[in-house]
Amino acid sequence: MKRVLTAAWLVPLGTYSIFFAPHWLFVAVVCLLAVFCFREYARMVENQGMLSFSISGYVAGLALLTLPEMGWTSLALLPLLALGLSLRAEDFKTGFASAGAFTLGILYVFGAWRCGISLQEKSHHWLFFAVALNWAGDVAAYYTGRAFGKHKLAPSISPGKTIEGAVGGIVASVIFGCIYLPRVLPAIGLPEAALLSIIGNVAGQIGDLCESALKRGAGMKDSGTMLAGHGGWLDRLDSSLFSMPAVYWALLSYARWQ
């Protein structure tokens, strides 16, 4: 029941932010979600004995999200910042790992949301597609896995997931993409819609497994407690943090889709 009640306000909020909110409000919502996600990521880092440098992470990440001149070449500064911050470590054996975790967190969380902003600027349909294909895929994967699942997908990471469920999730995402994209973006044909759906869903499923692996390494059942019935924001958005960059990369790779 808690999951249903949480979804009852999450889905309308997400849909409004993508389709109807002024651009400044959309960016503000993205920044807030990114901060929540990075906060949970920082807790995982700290639970594994590393320094998270969370305050510096918020500043660097929000700069990546909001500053127009913050081009991708500026990401070369991230390792410099991370290694500089690692000098604060009392045990220098953890400095290297902490610097790596800091850099990864900025790219993993804020970099993904920057791709989400770029998708929305191209068309709000692109961002909705990149997020919603995981909604469709997750539901199908759950029920397909329960009905037909026999072969474990990654038993050491997520024992409940099966190969059959993963395939069902891909099929559902392709069906969703082939119905949605050609209808709202007529330049996209069925083959392109199917390919984009596969790319986005496979990326999303990998993102789900990666977040589960991070939690296991940190000894955490959920990434947080802010979402009743769902755990934390990373638990809810882990697939989207992989699918948004994957879909955006696909769009940039094919000029005729831009």
C-alpha atoms as a PDB file:
ATOM      1  CA  MET A   1       0.000   0.000   0.000  1.00  0.00           C
ATOM      2  CA  LYS A   2       2.864   2.370   0.839  1.00  0.00           C
ATOM      3  CA  ARG A   3       4.393   1.768  -2.600  1.00  0.00           C
ATOM      4  CA  VAL A   4       1.102   2.640  -4.278  1.00  0.00           C
ATOM      5  CA  LEU A   5       0.637   5.819  -2.242  1.00  0.00           C
ATOM      6  CA  THR A   6       4.197   6.949  -2.969  1.00  0.00           C
ATOM      7  CA  ALA A   7       3.802   6.275  -6.684  1.00  0.00           C
ATOM      8  CA  ALA A   8       0.484   8.151  -6.618  1.00  0.00           C
ATOM      9  CA  TRP A   9       2.335  11.444  -6.089  1.00  0.00           C
ATOM     10  CA  LEU A  10       5.685  10.610  -7.694  1.00  0.00           C
ATOM     11  CA  VAL A  11       4.319   9.851 -11.163  1.00  0.00           C
ATOM     12  CA  PRO A  12       2.136  13.003 -11.451  1.00  0.00           C
ATOM     13  CA  LEU A  13       4.995  15.141 -10.106  1.00  0.00           C
ATOM     14  CA  GLY A  14       7.419  13.707 -12.625  1.00  0.00           C
ATOM     15  CA  THR A  15       4.977  14.051 -15.507  1.00  0.00           C
ATOM     16  CA  TYR A  16       4.143  17.659 -14.620  1.00  0.00           C
ATOM     17  CA  SER A  17       7.803  18.594 -14.263  1.00  0.00           C
ATOM     18  CA  ILE A  18       8.691  17.122 -17.664  1.00  0.00           C
ATOM     19  CA  PHE A  19       5.738  18.338 -19.715  1.00  0.00           C
ATOM     20  CA  PHE A  20       4.204  21.404 -18.108  1.00  0.00           C
ATOM     21  CA  ALA A  21       6.538  23.075 -15.614  1.00  0.00           C
ATOM     22  CA  PRO A  22       8.448  26.232 -16.629  1.00  0.00           C
ATOM     23  CA  HIS A  23      12.031  25.403 -17.552  1.00  0.00           C
ATOM     24  CA  TRP A  24      13.432  26.998 -14.400  1.00  0.00           C
ATOM     25  CA  LEU A  25      11.126  24.906 -12.218  1.00  0.00           C
ATOM     26  CA  PHE A  26      12.013  21.750 -14.127  1.00  0.00           C
ATOM     27  CA  VAL A  27      15.723  22.430 -13.582  1.00  0.00           C
ATOM     28  CA  ALA A  28      15.063  23.159  -9.893  1.00  0.00           C
ATOM     29  CA  VAL A  29      13.293  19.799  -9.495  1.00  0.00           C
ATOM     30  CA  VAL A  30      16.172  18.038 -11.266  1.00  0.00           C
ATOM     31  CA  CYS A  31      18.692  19.740  -8.968  1.00  0.00           C
ATOM     32  CA  LEU A  32      16.715  18.666  -5.900  1.00  0.00           C
ATOM     33  CA  LEU A  33      16.489  15.052  -7.082  1.00  0.00           C
ATOM     34  CA  ALA A  34      20.193  15.027  -7.924  1.00  0.00           C
ATOM     35  CA  VAL A  35      21.072  16.294  -4.438  1.00  0.00           C
ATOM     36  CA  PHE A  36      18.888  13.600  -2.837  1.00  0.00           C
ATOM     37  CA  CYS A  37      20.515  10.903  -4.987  1.00  0.00           C
ATOM     38  CA  PHE A  38      24.042  12.126  -4.283  1.00  0.00           C
ATOM     39  CA  ARG A  39      23.305  12.283  -0.555  1.00  0.00           C
ATOM     40  CA  GLU A  40      22.384   8.600  -0.598  1.00  0.00           C
ATOM     41  CA  TYR A  41      25.387   7.759  -2.758  1.00  0.00           C
ATOM     42  CA  ALA A  42      27.635   9.586  -0.259  1.00  0.00           C
ATOM     43  CA  ARG A  43      26.239   7.433   2.558  1.00  0.00           C
ATOM     44  CA  MET A  44      27.191   4.304   0.618  1.00  0.00           C
ATOM     45  CA  VAL A  45      30.702   5.651   0.148  1.00  0.00           C
ATOM     46  CA  GLU A  46      31.063   6.450   3.858  1.00  0.00           C
ATOM     47  CA  ASN A  47      29.713   3.015   4.836  1.00  0.00           C
ATOM     48  CA  GLN A  48      32.622   1.493   2.927  1.00  0.00           C
ATOM     49  CA  GLY A  49      35.194   3.431   4.918  1.00  0.00           C
ATOM     50  CA  MET A  50      35.875   6.202   2.403  1.00  0.00           C
ATOM     51  CA  LEU A  51      35.456   9.962   2.519  1.00  0.00           C
ATOM     52  CA  SER A  52      32.521  11.255   0.465  1.00  0.00           C
ATOM     53  CA  PHE A  53      33.422  14.988   0.345  1.00  0.00           C
ATOM     54  CA  SER A  54      29.662  15.487   0.080  1.00  0.00           C
ATOM     55  CA  ILE A  55      29.586  19.291   0.404  1.00  0.00           C
ATOM     56  CA  SER A  56      32.126  19.691  -2.398  1.00  0.00           C
ATOM     57  CA  GLY A  57      30.147  17.118  -4.364  1.00  0.00           C
ATOM     58  CA  TYR A  58      26.944  19.132  -4.113  1.00  0.00           C
ATOM     59  CA  VAL A  59      28.719  22.296  -5.270  1.00  0.00           C
ATOM     60  CA  ALA A  60      30.518  20.648  -8.187  1.00  0.00           C
ATOM     61  CA  GLY A  61      27.440  18.687  -9.219  1.00  0.00           C
ATOM     62  CA  LEU A  62      25.059  21.637  -9.142  1.00  0.00           C
ATOM     63  CA  ALA A  63      27.577  23.654 -11.157  1.00  0.00           C
ATOM     64  CA  LEU A  64      27.578  20.890 -13.752  1.00  0.00           C
ATOM     65  CA  LEU A  65      23.778  20.998 -13.869  1.00  0.00           C
ATOM     66  CA  THR A  66      23.169  24.740 -13.945  1.00  0.00           C
ATOM     67  CA  LEU A  67      26.124  26.626 -15.433  1.00  0.00           C
ATOM     68  CA  PRO A  68      25.749  27.010 -19.227  1.00  0.00           C
ATOM     69  CA  GLU A  69      29.486  27.420 -19.716  1.00  0.00           C
ATOM     70  CA  MET A  70      30.203  24.249 -17.738  1.00  0.00           C
ATOM     71  CA  GLY A  71      31.085  22.241 -20.845  1.00  0.00           C
ATOM     72  CA  TRP A  72      32.013  18.596 -20.851  1.00  0.00           C
ATOM     73  CA  THR A  73      35.682  19.565 -21.154  1.00  0.00           C
ATOM     74  CA  SER A  74      35.390  20.985 -17.649  1.00  0.00           C
ATOM     75  CA  LEU A  75      34.978  17.424 -16.403  1.00  0.00           C
ATOM     76  CA  ALA A  76      38.749  17.143 -16.747  1.00  0.00           C
ATOM     77  CA  LEU A  77      38.881  19.279 -13.603  1.00  0.00           C
ATOM     78  CA  LEU A  78      36.999  16.669 -11.562  1.00  0.00           C
ATOM     79  CA  PRO A  79      39.979  14.359 -10.954  1.00  0.00           C
ATOM     80  CA  LEU A  80      42.056  17.382  -9.948  1.00  0.00           C
ATOM     81  CA  LEU A  81      39.437  18.435  -7.425  1.00  0.00           C
ATOM     82  CA  ALA A  82      38.992  14.875  -6.188  1.00  0.00           C
ATOM     83  CA  LEU A  83      42.708  14.266  -5.672  1.00  0.00           C
ATOM     84  CA  GLY A  84      43.069  17.626  -3.954  1.00  0.00           C
ATOM     85  CA  LEU A  85      40.255  16.749  -1.551  1.00  0.00           C
ATOM     86  CA  SER A  86      41.823  13.334  -0.888  1.00  0.00           C
ATOM     87  CA  LEU A  87      44.744  15.064   0.816  1.00  0.00           C
ATOM     88  CA  ARG A  88      42.395  15.552   3.768  1.00  0.00           C
ATOM     89  CA  ALA A  89      42.348  11.808   4.435  1.00  0.00           C
ATOM     90  CA  GLU A  90      43.966  10.822   7.709  1.00  0.00           C
ATOM     91  CA  ASP A  91      44.806   7.435   6.246  1.00  0.00           C
ATOM     92  CA  PHE A  92      46.274   7.991   2.796  1.00  0.00           C
ATOM     93  CA  LYS A  93      45.445   4.389   1.901  1.00  0.00           C
ATOM     94  CA  THR A  94      41.842   5.547   1.524  1.00  0.00           C
ATOM     95  CA  GLY A  95      42.682   8.738  -0.389  1.00  0.00           C
ATOM     96  CA  PHE A  96      42.874   7.150  -3.822  1.00  0.00           C
ATOM     97  CA  ALA A  97      39.612   5.230  -3.353  1.00  0.00           C
ATOM     98  CA  SER A  98      37.863   8.311  -1.947  1.00  0.00           C
ATOM     99  CA  ALA A  99      38.968  10.426  -4.914  1.00  0.00           C
ATOM    100  CA  GLY A 100      37.698   7.772  -7.308  1.00  0.00           C
ATOM    101  CA  ALA A 101      34.369   7.451  -5.504  1.00  0.00           C
ATOM    102  CA  PHE A 102      33.934  11.236  -5.525  1.00  0.00           C
ATOM    103  CA  THR A 103      34.577  11.500  -9.283  1.00  0.00           C
ATOM    104  CA  LEU A 104      32.312   8.540  -9.998  1.00  0.00           C
ATOM    105  CA  GLY A 105      29.502  10.023  -7.913  1.00  0.00           C
ATOM    106  CA  ILE A 106      29.529  13.350  -9.752  1.00  0.00           C
ATOM    107  CA  LEU A 107      29.373  11.640 -13.139  1.00  0.00           C
ATOM    108  CA  TYR A 108      26.962   8.923 -12.033  1.00  0.00           C
ATOM    109  CA  VAL A 109      24.398  11.251 -10.461  1.00  0.00           C
ATOM    110  CA  PHE A 110      24.832  14.806 -11.713  1.00  0.00           C
ATOM    111  CA  GLY A 111      26.190  13.796 -15.134  1.00  0.00           C
ATOM    112  CA  ALA A 112      23.148  11.613 -15.726  1.00  0.00           C
ATOM    113  CA  TRP A 113      20.762  14.407 -14.751  1.00  0.00           C
ATOM    114  CA  ARG A 114      22.625  16.812 -17.027  1.00  0.00           C
ATOM    115  CA  CYS A 115      21.817  14.397 -19.851  1.00  0.00           C
ATOM    116  CA  GLY A 116      18.202  14.475 -18.667  1.00  0.00           C
ATOM    117  CA  ILE A 117      18.114  18.263 -18.939  1.00  0.00           C
ATOM    118  CA  SER A 118      19.611  18.050 -22.424  1.00  0.00           C
ATOM    119  CA  LEU A 119      16.986  15.499 -23.454  1.00  0.00           C
ATOM    120  CA  GLN A 120      14.189  17.730 -22.192  1.00  0.00           C
ATOM    121  CA  GLU A 121      15.645  20.694 -24.101  1.00  0.00           C
ATOM    122  CA  LYS A 122      15.509  18.647 -27.308  1.00  0.00           C
ATOM    123  CA  SER A 123      11.932  17.628 -26.573  1.00  0.00           C
ATOM    124  CA  HIS A 124      10.083  16.785 -23.397  1.00  0.00           C
ATOM    125  CA  HIS A 125       9.027  13.602 -25.209  1.00  0.00           C
ATOM    126  CA  TRP A 126      12.634  12.402 -25.295  1.00  0.00           C
ATOM    127  CA  LEU A 127      13.056  12.724 -21.556  1.00  0.00           C
ATOM    128  CA  PHE A 128       9.681  11.149 -20.828  1.00  0.00           C
ATOM    129  CA  PHE A 129      10.587   8.257 -23.117  1.00  0.00           C
ATOM    130  CA  ALA A 130      13.974   7.722 -21.431  1.00  0.00           C
ATOM    131  CA  VAL A 131      12.301   7.546 -18.011  1.00  0.00           C
ATOM    132  CA  ALA A 132       8.976   5.876 -18.811  1.00  0.00           C
ATOM    133  CA  LEU A 133      10.453   2.969 -20.753  1.00  0.00           C
ATOM    134  CA  ASN A 134      11.881   1.789 -17.438  1.00  0.00           C
ATOM    135  CA  TRP A 135       8.493   2.104 -15.758  1.00  0.00           C
ATOM    136  CA  ALA A 136       6.997  -0.167 -18.397  1.00  0.00           C
ATOM    137  CA  GLY A 137       9.987  -2.499 -18.328  1.00  0.00           C
ATOM    138  CA  ASP A 138      10.085  -2.826 -14.533  1.00  0.00           C
ATOM    139  CA  VAL A 139       6.419  -3.797 -14.281  1.00  0.00           C
ATOM    140  CA  ALA A 140       6.726  -6.343 -17.099  1.00  0.00           C
ATOM    141  CA  ALA A 141       9.964  -7.757 -15.704  1.00  0.00           C
ATOM    142  CA  TYR A 142       8.363  -8.282 -12.305  1.00  0.00           C
ATOM    143  CA  TYR A 143       5.324 -10.169 -13.561  1.00  0.00           C
ATOM    144  CA  THR A 144       7.188 -12.057 -16.282  1.00  0.00           C
ATOM    145  CA  GLY A 145       9.780 -13.145 -13.749  1.00  0.00           C
ATOM    146  CA  ARG A 146       7.122 -14.320 -11.304  1.00  0.00           C
ATOM    147  CA  ALA A 147       5.284 -16.277 -13.988  1.00  0.00           C
ATOM    148  CA  PHE A 148       8.141 -17.740 -16.021  1.00  0.00           C
ATOM    149  CA  GLY A 149      11.386 -16.976 -14.215  1.00  0.00           C
ATOM    150  CA  LYS A 150      13.684 -19.993 -13.790  1.00  0.00           C
ATOM    151  CA  HIS A 151      17.186 -18.755 -14.602  1.00  0.00           C
ATOM    152  CA  LYS A 152      18.795 -16.242 -12.242  1.00  0.00           C
ATOM    153  CA  LEU A 153      20.136 -13.097 -13.881  1.00  0.00           C
ATOM    154  CA  ALA A 154      22.669 -12.063 -11.216  1.00  0.00           C
ATOM    155  CA  PRO A 155      22.102 -14.192  -8.096  1.00  0.00           C
ATOM    156  CA  SER A 156      24.960 -12.701  -6.079  1.00  0.00           C
ATOM    157  CA  ILE A 157      23.643  -9.150  -6.626  1.00  0.00           C
ATOM    158  CA  SER A 158      19.870  -9.436  -6.891  1.00  0.00           C
ATOM    159  CA  PRO A 159      18.591 -12.982  -6.269  1.00  0.00           C
ATOM    160  CA  GLY A 160      15.022 -12.155  -7.286  1.00  0.00           C
ATOM    161  CA  LYS A 161      15.830 -11.097 -10.844  1.00  0.00           C
ATOM    162  CA  THR A 162      15.670 -13.650 -13.648  1.00  0.00           C
ATOM    163  CA  ILE A 163      16.742 -13.760 -17.274  1.00  0.00           C
ATOM    164  CA  GLU A 164      13.127 -14.358 -18.280  1.00  0.00           C
ATOM    165  CA  GLY A 165      12.057 -11.247 -16.372  1.00  0.00           C
ATOM    166  CA  ALA A 166      14.804  -9.194 -18.006  1.00  0.00           C
ATOM    167  CA  VAL A 167      13.681 -10.305 -21.453  1.00  0.00           C
ATOM    168  CA  GLY A 168      10.074  -9.494 -20.575  1.00  0.00           C
ATOM    169  CA  GLY A 169      11.167  -6.019 -19.510  1.00  0.00           C
ATOM    170  CA  ILE A 170      12.944  -5.439 -22.819  1.00  0.00           C
ATOM    171  CA  VAL A 171       9.920  -6.604 -24.806  1.00  0.00           C
ATOM    172  CA  ALA A 172       7.579  -4.316 -22.860  1.00  0.00           C
ATOM    173  CA  SER A 173       9.918  -1.354 -23.354  1.00  0.00           C
ATOM    174  CA  VAL A 174      10.077  -2.003 -27.103  1.00  0.00           C
ATOM    175  CA  ILE A 175       6.282  -2.156 -27.295  1.00  0.00           C
ATOM    176  CA  PHE A 176       6.025   1.105 -25.346  1.00  0.00           C
ATOM    177  CA  GLY A 177       8.679   2.818 -27.471  1.00  0.00           C
ATOM    178  CA  CYS A 178       7.198   1.674 -30.777  1.00  0.00           C
ATOM    179  CA  ILE A 179       3.785   3.006 -29.762  1.00  0.00           C
ATOM    180  CA  TYR A 180       4.935   6.239 -28.142  1.00  0.00           C
ATOM    181  CA  LEU A 181       7.857   7.607 -30.143  1.00  0.00           C
ATOM    182  CA  PRO A 182       6.438   7.480 -33.719  1.00  0.00           C
ATOM    183  CA  ARG A 183       3.212   9.032 -32.444  1.00  0.00           C
ATOM    184  CA  VAL A 184       4.803  12.045 -30.721  1.00  0.00           C
ATOM    185  CA  LEU A 185       7.952  12.325 -32.863  1.00  0.00           C
ATOM    186  CA  PRO A 186       6.903  11.347 -36.412  1.00  0.00           C
ATOM    187  CA  ALA A 187      10.500  11.476 -37.699  1.00  0.00           C
ATOM    188  CA  ILE A 188      11.235   8.350 -35.648  1.00  0.00           C
ATOM    189  CA  GLY A 189      10.340   5.128 -37.421  1.00  0.00           C
ATOM    190  CA  LEU A 190       9.579   1.786 -35.832  1.00  0.00           C
ATOM    191  CA  PRO A 191      13.113   0.349 -36.260  1.00  0.00           C
ATOM    192  CA  GLU A 192      14.677   3.410 -34.639  1.00  0.00           C
ATOM    193  CA  ALA A 193      12.092   3.363 -31.833  1.00  0.00           C
ATOM    194  CA  ALA A 194      12.762  -0.317 -31.168  1.00  0.00           C
ATOM    195  CA  LEU A 195      16.543   0.179 -31.141  1.00  0.00           C
ATOM    196  CA  LEU A 196      16.327   3.167 -28.792  1.00  0.00           C
ATOM    197  CA  SER A 197      14.005   1.231 -26.493  1.00  0.00           C
ATOM    198  CA  ILE A 198      16.426  -1.695 -26.303  1.00  0.00           C
ATOM    199  CA  ILE A 199      19.372   0.608 -25.608  1.00  0.00           C
ATOM    200  CA  GLY A 200      17.491   2.501 -22.905  1.00  0.00           C
ATOM    201  CA  ASN A 201      16.041  -0.568 -21.208  1.00  0.00           C
ATOM    202  CA  VAL A 202      19.249  -2.598 -21.184  1.00  0.00           C
ATOM    203  CA  ALA A 203      21.086   0.415 -19.767  1.00  0.00           C
ATOM    204  CA  GLY A 204      18.364   0.809 -17.137  1.00  0.00           C
ATOM    205  CA  GLN A 205      18.562  -2.832 -16.082  1.00  0.00           C
ATOM    206  CA  ILE A 206      22.338  -2.559 -15.745  1.00  0.00           C
ATOM    207  CA  GLY A 207      21.823   0.584 -13.668  1.00  0.00           C
ATOM    208  CA  ASP A 208      19.467  -1.296 -11.360  1.00  0.00           C
ATOM    209  CA  LEU A 209      22.022  -4.073 -10.847  1.00  0.00           C
ATOM    210  CA  CYS A 210      24.867  -1.610 -10.296  1.00  0.00           C
ATOM    211  CA  GLU A 211      22.948   0.221  -7.579  1.00  0.00           C
ATOM    212  CA  SER A 212      22.134  -3.105  -5.928  1.00  0.00           C
ATOM    213  CA  ALA A 213      25.831  -4.005  -5.991  1.00  0.00           C
ATOM    214  CA  LEU A 214      26.732  -0.647  -4.413  1.00  0.00           C
ATOM    215  CA  LYS A 215      24.219  -1.268  -1.629  1.00  0.00           C
ATOM    216  CA  ARG A 216      25.559  -4.741  -0.970  1.00  0.00           C
ATOM    217  CA  GLY A 217      29.095  -3.419  -0.793  1.00  0.00           C
ATOM    218  CA  ALA A 218      27.940  -0.796   1.693  1.00  0.00           C
ATOM    219  CA  GLY A 219      25.920  -3.289   3.749  1.00  0.00           C
ATOM    220  CA  MET A 220      22.656  -1.441   3.085  1.00  0.00           C
ATOM    221  CA  LYS A 221      19.246  -2.898   2.227  1.00  0.00           C
ATOM    222  CA  ASP A 222      17.958   0.398   0.800  1.00  0.00           C
ATOM    223  CA  SER A 223      19.803   3.510  -0.297  1.00  0.00           C
ATOM    224  CA  GLY A 224      17.559   5.674   1.902  1.00  0.00           C
ATOM    225  CA  THR A 225      14.217   5.967   3.662  1.00  0.00           C
ATOM    226  CA  MET A 226      12.629   9.067   2.119  1.00  0.00           C
ATOM    227  CA  LEU A 227      10.203   7.157  -0.114  1.00  0.00           C
ATOM    228  CA  ALA A 228       7.836   4.963   1.857  1.00  0.00           C
ATOM    229  CA  GLY A 229       7.678   1.493   0.346  1.00  0.00           C
ATOM    230  CA  HIS A 230      10.412   2.256  -2.171  1.00  0.00           C
ATOM    231  CA  GLY A 231      13.442   2.958   0.021  1.00  0.00           C
ATOM    232  CA  GLY A 232      15.526   5.857  -1.214  1.00  0.00           C
ATOM    233  CA  TRP A 233      15.670   8.022  -4.310  1.00  0.00           C
ATOM    234  CA  LEU A 234      18.478   5.960  -5.808  1.00  0.00           C
ATOM    235  CA  ASP A 235      16.345   2.858  -5.362  1.00  0.00           C
ATOM    236  CA  ARG A 236      13.636   4.521  -7.431  1.00  0.00           C
ATOM    237  CA  LEU A 237      15.800   6.290 -10.020  1.00  0.00           C
ATOM    238  CA  ASP A 238      18.733   3.914 -10.495  1.00  0.00           C
ATOM    239  CA  SER A 239      17.473   2.758 -13.898  1.00  0.00           C
ATOM    240  CA  SER A 240      16.888   6.313 -15.117  1.00  0.00           C
ATOM    241  CA  LEU A 241      20.423   7.355 -14.152  1.00  0.00           C
ATOM    242  CA  PHE A 242      21.666   4.875 -16.759  1.00  0.00           C
ATOM    243  CA  SER A 243      18.931   5.162 -19.376  1.00  0.00           C
ATOM    244  CA  MET A 244      19.061   8.972 -19.710  1.00  0.00           C
ATOM    245  CA  PRO A 245      22.750   9.091 -20.726  1.00  0.00           C
ATOM    246  CA  ALA A 246      22.312   6.024 -22.946  1.00  0.00           C
ATOM    247  CA  VAL A 247      19.371   7.514 -24.853  1.00  0.00           C
ATOM    248  CA  TYR A 248      21.083  10.903 -25.115  1.00  0.00           C
ATOM    249  CA  TRP A 249      24.244   9.237 -26.452  1.00  0.00           C
ATOM    250  CA  ALA A 250      22.167   7.390 -29.045  1.00  0.00           C
ATOM    251  CA  LEU A 251      20.565  10.642 -30.180  1.00  0.00           C
ATOM    252  CA  LEU A 252      23.924  12.375 -30.538  1.00  0.00           C
ATOM    253  CA  SER A 253      25.291   9.390 -32.439  1.00  0.00           C
ATOM    254  CA  TYR A 254      22.699   9.671 -35.196  1.00  0.00           C
ATOM    255  CA  ALA A 255      22.428  13.192 -36.580  1.00  0.00           C
ATOM    256  CA  ARG A 256      19.157  12.562 -38.370  1.00  0.00           C
ATOM    257  CA  TRP A 257      17.434  11.922 -35.015  1.00  0.00           C
ATOM    258  CA  GLN A 258      18.497  15.301 -33.588  1.00  0.00           C
END
